[in-house]
Amino acid sequence: MTISYAPRHWTSRFAFLMAAIGSAVGLGNVWRFPYLAGENGGGAFILIYALTTLAIALPILISEIMLGRMGRQSPINAMRGLIAEHKTLRLWVLIGWGGTIGAFIVLSYYSVIG
């Protein structure tokens, strides 16, 4: 007997966008930001901070979303599937492991603080 599940979808694009932004910004940035802005010059710091965050975080966020859509599995299995499909170097599976370990470390950190 096979059980088929319908794929889950976000209720709206706005809900997906807010979840993605919330995970990208993180609680640490919200706590540290006022202190960093005050110590480093206010408005000029905010401009440079925002531009740097966008320049680094946006490409990573887009690539994670693309890999998730292509793989439709856990990060490790998704990378294994993409490696098999595109016949690329097997070391790319380390990206899946890195994402999984990174998420574990971040969640461990926030579970202690929160």
C-alpha atoms as a PDB file:
ATOM      1  CA  MET A   1       0.000   0.000   0.000  1.00  0.00           C
ATOM      2  CA  THR A   2       1.418   3.332  -1.022  1.00  0.00           C
ATOM      3  CA  ILE A   3       0.514   6.547   0.647  1.00  0.00           C
ATOM      4  CA  SER A   4       0.796   9.646  -1.458  1.00  0.00           C
ATOM      5  CA  TYR A   5       1.031  13.057   0.072  1.00  0.00           C
ATOM      6  CA  ALA A   6       0.115  16.268  -1.639  1.00  0.00           C
ATOM      7  CA  PRO A   7       2.998  18.738  -1.684  1.00  0.00           C
ATOM      8  CA  ARG A   8       2.708  21.489   0.892  1.00  0.00           C
ATOM      9  CA  HIS A   9       2.584  25.057  -0.280  1.00  0.00           C
ATOM     10  CA  TRP A  10       2.944  28.409   1.437  1.00  0.00           C
ATOM     11  CA  THR A  11      -0.335  30.224   2.051  1.00  0.00           C
ATOM     12  CA  SER A  12       0.964  33.233   0.137  1.00  0.00           C
ATOM     13  CA  ARG A  13       4.122  34.646  -1.368  1.00  0.00           C
ATOM     14  CA  PHE A  14       4.208  37.197   1.434  1.00  0.00           C
ATOM     15  CA  ALA A  15       4.274  34.428   4.076  1.00  0.00           C
ATOM     16  CA  PHE A  16       7.172  32.738   2.289  1.00  0.00           C
ATOM     17  CA  LEU A  17       9.030  36.027   1.951  1.00  0.00           C
ATOM     18  CA  MET A  18       8.601  36.853   5.646  1.00  0.00           C
ATOM     19  CA  ALA A  19       9.800  33.368   6.678  1.00  0.00           C
ATOM     20  CA  ALA A  20      12.851  33.631   4.421  1.00  0.00           C
ATOM     21  CA  ILE A  21      13.733  37.121   5.644  1.00  0.00           C
ATOM     22  CA  GLY A  22      13.191  36.134   9.269  1.00  0.00           C
ATOM     23  CA  SER A  23      15.530  33.182   8.973  1.00  0.00           C
ATOM     24  CA  ALA A  24      18.127  35.258   7.135  1.00  0.00           C
ATOM     25  CA  VAL A  25      18.131  38.163   9.591  1.00  0.00           C
ATOM     26  CA  GLY A  26      18.162  36.094  12.757  1.00  0.00           C
ATOM     27  CA  LEU A  27      17.703  37.067  16.356  1.00  0.00           C
ATOM     28  CA  GLY A  28      21.387  37.844  16.921  1.00  0.00           C
ATOM     29  CA  ASN A  29      21.284  40.692  14.412  1.00  0.00           C
ATOM     30  CA  VAL A  30      18.205  42.180  16.055  1.00  0.00           C
ATOM     31  CA  TRP A  31      19.862  42.165  19.485  1.00  0.00           C
ATOM     32  CA  ARG A  32      23.279  43.431  18.399  1.00  0.00           C
ATOM     33  CA  PHE A  33      22.246  45.960  15.785  1.00  0.00           C
ATOM     34  CA  PRO A  34      21.422  48.955  18.042  1.00  0.00           C
ATOM     35  CA  TYR A  35      24.684  48.506  19.928  1.00  0.00           C
ATOM     36  CA  LEU A  36      26.736  48.229  16.731  1.00  0.00           C
ATOM     37  CA  ALA A  37      25.026  51.254  15.180  1.00  0.00           C
ATOM     38  CA  GLY A  38      25.725  53.386  18.248  1.00  0.00           C
ATOM     39  CA  GLU A  39      29.356  52.325  18.506  1.00  0.00           C
ATOM     40  CA  ASN A  40      30.213  52.731  14.824  1.00  0.00           C
ATOM     41  CA  GLY A  41      28.763  56.038  13.720  1.00  0.00           C
ATOM     42  CA  GLY A  42      24.988  55.743  13.316  1.00  0.00           C
ATOM     43  CA  GLY A  43      23.635  56.439   9.820  1.00  0.00           C
ATOM     44  CA  ALA A  44      26.803  55.747   7.843  1.00  0.00           C
ATOM     45  CA  PHE A  45      27.186  52.424   9.621  1.00  0.00           C
ATOM     46  CA  ILE A  46      23.560  51.492   8.903  1.00  0.00           C
ATOM     47  CA  LEU A  47      24.029  52.150   5.173  1.00  0.00           C
ATOM     48  CA  ILE A  48      27.224  50.100   4.939  1.00  0.00           C
ATOM     49  CA  TYR A  49      25.762  47.351   7.141  1.00  0.00           C
ATOM     50  CA  ALA A  50      22.628  47.073   4.974  1.00  0.00           C
ATOM     51  CA  LEU A  51      24.581  47.011   1.708  1.00  0.00           C
ATOM     52  CA  THR A  52      27.036  44.422   2.993  1.00  0.00           C
ATOM     53  CA  THR A  53      24.255  42.243   4.378  1.00  0.00           C
ATOM     54  CA  LEU A  54      22.400  42.356   1.055  1.00  0.00           C
ATOM     55  CA  ALA A  55      25.556  41.688  -0.949  1.00  0.00           C
ATOM     56  CA  ILE A  56      26.395  38.603   1.110  1.00  0.00           C
ATOM     57  CA  ALA A  57      23.036  37.248   2.280  1.00  0.00           C
ATOM     58  CA  LEU A  58      20.913  37.712  -0.843  1.00  0.00           C
ATOM     59  CA  PRO A  59      22.952  35.455  -3.184  1.00  0.00           C
ATOM     60  CA  ILE A  60      23.170  32.774  -0.491  1.00  0.00           C
ATOM     61  CA  LEU A  61      19.427  32.963   0.193  1.00  0.00           C
ATOM     62  CA  ILE A  62      18.597  32.716  -3.514  1.00  0.00           C
ATOM     63  CA  SER A  63      20.918  29.733  -4.007  1.00  0.00           C
ATOM     64  CA  GLU A  64      19.430  27.924  -0.992  1.00  0.00           C
ATOM     65  CA  ILE A  65      15.920  28.462  -2.330  1.00  0.00           C
ATOM     66  CA  MET A  66      16.947  27.194  -5.783  1.00  0.00           C
ATOM     67  CA  LEU A  67      18.640  24.095  -4.346  1.00  0.00           C
ATOM     68  CA  GLY A  68      15.596  23.391  -2.189  1.00  0.00           C
ATOM     69  CA  ARG A  69      13.249  23.660  -5.154  1.00  0.00           C
ATOM     70  CA  MET A  70      15.429  21.456  -7.337  1.00  0.00           C
ATOM     71  CA  GLY A  71      16.120  18.821  -4.684  1.00  0.00           C
ATOM     72  CA  ARG A  72      12.782  18.614  -2.820  1.00  0.00           C
ATOM     73  CA  GLN A  73      14.448  16.489  -0.119  1.00  0.00           C
ATOM     74  CA  SER A  74      16.630  16.898   2.930  1.00  0.00           C
ATOM     75  CA  PRO A  75      19.740  19.007   2.222  1.00  0.00           C
ATOM     76  CA  ILE A  76      22.075  16.004   2.152  1.00  0.00           C
ATOM     77  CA  ASN A  77      19.851  13.840  -0.073  1.00  0.00           C
ATOM     78  CA  ALA A  78      19.070  16.801  -2.317  1.00  0.00           C
ATOM     79  CA  MET A  79      22.770  17.363  -2.952  1.00  0.00           C
ATOM     80  CA  ARG A  80      23.295  13.641  -3.587  1.00  0.00           C
ATOM     81  CA  GLY A  81      20.437  13.683  -6.094  1.00  0.00           C
ATOM     82  CA  LEU A  82      21.758  16.768  -7.853  1.00  0.00           C
ATOM     83  CA  ILE A  83      25.253  15.243  -7.980  1.00  0.00           C
ATOM     84  CA  ALA A  84      23.873  12.069  -9.573  1.00  0.00           C
ATOM     85  CA  GLU A  85      21.683  14.014 -11.988  1.00  0.00           C
ATOM     86  CA  HIS A  86      24.379  16.416 -13.183  1.00  0.00           C
ATOM     87  CA  LYS A  87      27.350  14.044 -12.755  1.00  0.00           C
ATOM     88  CA  THR A  88      29.449  16.505 -10.775  1.00  0.00           C
ATOM     89  CA  LEU A  89      32.087  16.132  -8.089  1.00  0.00           C
ATOM     90  CA  ARG A  90      30.935  14.115  -5.052  1.00  0.00           C
ATOM     91  CA  LEU A  91      32.409  16.648  -2.633  1.00  0.00           C
ATOM     92  CA  TRP A  92      29.380  18.883  -3.273  1.00  0.00           C
ATOM     93  CA  VAL A  93      27.497  16.752  -0.749  1.00  0.00           C
ATOM     94  CA  LEU A  94      29.528  18.622   1.889  1.00  0.00           C
ATOM     95  CA  ILE A  95      27.341  21.652   1.121  1.00  0.00           C
ATOM     96  CA  GLY A  96      24.335  19.649   2.318  1.00  0.00           C
ATOM     97  CA  TRP A  97      26.182  18.512   5.428  1.00  0.00           C
ATOM     98  CA  GLY A  98      27.386  22.064   6.091  1.00  0.00           C
ATOM     99  CA  GLY A  99      23.852  23.422   5.922  1.00  0.00           C
ATOM    100  CA  THR A 100      22.570  20.730   8.247  1.00  0.00           C
ATOM    101  CA  ILE A 101      25.374  21.166  10.779  1.00  0.00           C
ATOM    102  CA  GLY A 102      25.099  24.962  10.553  1.00  0.00           C
ATOM    103  CA  ALA A 103      21.371  24.837  11.256  1.00  0.00           C
ATOM    104  CA  PHE A 104      22.009  22.536  14.220  1.00  0.00           C
ATOM    105  CA  ILE A 105      24.590  24.933  15.679  1.00  0.00           C
ATOM    106  CA  VAL A 106      22.369  27.989  15.198  1.00  0.00           C
ATOM    107  CA  LEU A 107      19.353  26.258  16.745  1.00  0.00           C
ATOM    108  CA  SER A 108      21.476  25.057  19.667  1.00  0.00           C
ATOM    109  CA  TYR A 109      22.684  28.615  20.240  1.00  0.00           C
ATOM    110  CA  TYR A 110      19.181  30.096  20.164  1.00  0.00           C
ATOM    111  CA  SER A 111      17.724  27.371  22.384  1.00  0.00           C
ATOM    112  CA  VAL A 112      20.182  28.361  25.120  1.00  0.00           C
ATOM    113  CA  ILE A 113      19.603  32.119  24.717  1.00  0.00           C
ATOM    114  CA  GLY A 114      15.838  31.985  24.175  1.00  0.00           C
END
